Amino acid sequence: MDRVRRWLGVLGFALVVAVFAVQNAGPVPIRFLWWTAPGVSLAVVILGAALFGALVGALWSWVVGARRRHGTGRPAGPAHVPADGRPG
């Protein structure tokens, strides 16, 4: 049930982003460092940014999940244990 709820949330958010992008589809100049694109549709910019953010989020989630699955994440417990073995 949680998986269905999560996918419905993702699809709902994607629909809101798509509607927002289509309603703001006018041409805009894009400048990034030394690169310039004179008349790009704002819808393309919005959808591209949303896609890039989704890919970065998915990659981050995959990396964190892999670290947890393989036990290479942060150790559970105190960061420092004194020489006598008693926690601080």
Protein backbone atom coordinates (compact mmCIF):
# COMPACT_ATOMS: atom_id res chain seq x y z
CA MET A 1 0.00 0.00 0.00
CA ASP A 2 2.86 2.39 0.79
CA ARG A 3 4.35 1.75 -2.65
CA VAL A 4 1.06 2.65 -4.35
CA ARG A 5 0.74 5.79 -2.25
CA ARG A 6 4.32 6.79 -3.10
CA TRP A 7 3.77 6.32 -6.84
CA LEU A 8 0.51 8.28 -6.71
CA GLY A 9 2.40 11.10 -5.02
CA VAL A 10 5.14 11.00 -7.65
CA LEU A 11 2.61 10.99 -10.49
CA GLY A 12 0.65 13.83 -8.88
CA PHE A 13 3.80 15.93 -8.52
CA ALA A 14 4.82 15.16 -12.11
CA LEU A 15 1.38 16.25 -13.32
CA VAL A 16 1.62 19.54 -11.41
CA VAL A 17 5.10 20.21 -12.85
CA ALA A 18 3.92 19.36 -16.38
CA VAL A 19 0.87 21.66 -16.14
CA PHE A 20 3.03 24.46 -14.72
CA ALA A 21 5.57 24.00 -17.52
CA VAL A 22 2.95 24.02 -20.28
CA GLN A 23 1.28 27.15 -18.89
CA ASN A 24 4.68 28.93 -18.85
CA ALA A 25 5.91 27.94 -22.29
CA GLY A 26 7.17 31.31 -23.55
CA PRO A 27 10.68 31.63 -24.99
CA VAL A 28 13.44 32.74 -22.60
CA PRO A 29 17.18 33.30 -23.08
CA ILE A 30 19.35 30.83 -21.18
CA ARG A 31 22.84 31.84 -20.04
CA PHE A 32 25.16 29.47 -18.20
CA LEU A 33 28.80 30.45 -17.72
CA TRP A 34 30.00 31.14 -21.29
CA TRP A 35 27.18 29.22 -23.03
CA THR A 36 24.06 31.04 -24.33
CA ALA A 37 20.84 29.78 -25.91
CA PRO A 38 18.71 32.70 -27.13
CA GLY A 39 15.11 31.43 -27.35
CA VAL A 40 14.47 28.24 -25.42
CA SER A 41 10.94 27.39 -24.32
CA LEU A 42 10.54 27.83 -20.58
CA ALA A 43 8.60 24.54 -20.53
CA VAL A 44 11.74 22.73 -21.73
CA VAL A 45 13.81 24.43 -19.03
CA ILE A 46 11.32 23.54 -16.28
CA LEU A 47 10.90 19.93 -17.39
CA GLY A 48 14.67 19.54 -17.86
CA ALA A 49 15.36 20.88 -14.37
CA ALA A 50 12.71 18.59 -12.87
CA LEU A 51 14.15 15.58 -14.71
CA PHE A 52 17.69 16.45 -13.63
CA GLY A 53 16.53 16.79 -10.00
CA ALA A 54 14.71 13.45 -10.17
CA LEU A 55 17.80 11.73 -11.57
CA VAL A 56 20.08 13.22 -8.90
CA GLY A 57 17.60 12.21 -6.19
CA ALA A 58 17.32 8.67 -7.55
CA LEU A 59 21.11 8.34 -7.77
CA TRP A 60 21.53 9.63 -4.21
CA SER A 61 18.87 7.21 -2.95
CA TRP A 62 20.53 4.32 -4.78
CA VAL A 63 23.97 5.13 -3.33
CA VAL A 64 22.67 5.46 0.23
CA GLY A 65 20.62 2.26 -0.13
CA ALA A 66 23.61 0.35 -1.50
CA ARG A 67 25.79 1.53 1.37
CA ARG A 68 23.18 0.39 3.88
CA ARG A 69 22.64 -2.96 2.15
CA HIS A 70 26.36 -3.72 2.06
CA GLY A 71 27.07 -2.46 5.55
CA THR A 72 29.50 0.26 4.50
CA GLY A 73 27.47 3.13 5.91
CA ARG A 74 28.00 4.87 9.20
CA PRO A 75 28.67 2.55 12.11
CA ALA A 76 25.95 2.20 14.70
CA GLY A 77 27.12 3.29 18.12
CA PRO A 78 29.39 5.91 19.60
CA ALA A 79 32.13 7.41 17.46
CA HIS A 80 34.68 7.15 20.25
CA VAL A 81 35.00 4.46 22.91
CA PRO A 82 37.57 5.12 25.65
CA ALA A 83 40.40 2.63 26.24
CA ASP A 84 38.65 1.17 29.30
CA GLY A 85 35.66 0.19 27.12
CA ARG A 86 33.06 2.19 29.04
CA PRO A 87 31.01 4.63 26.99
CA GLY A 88 31.59 8.29 27.88
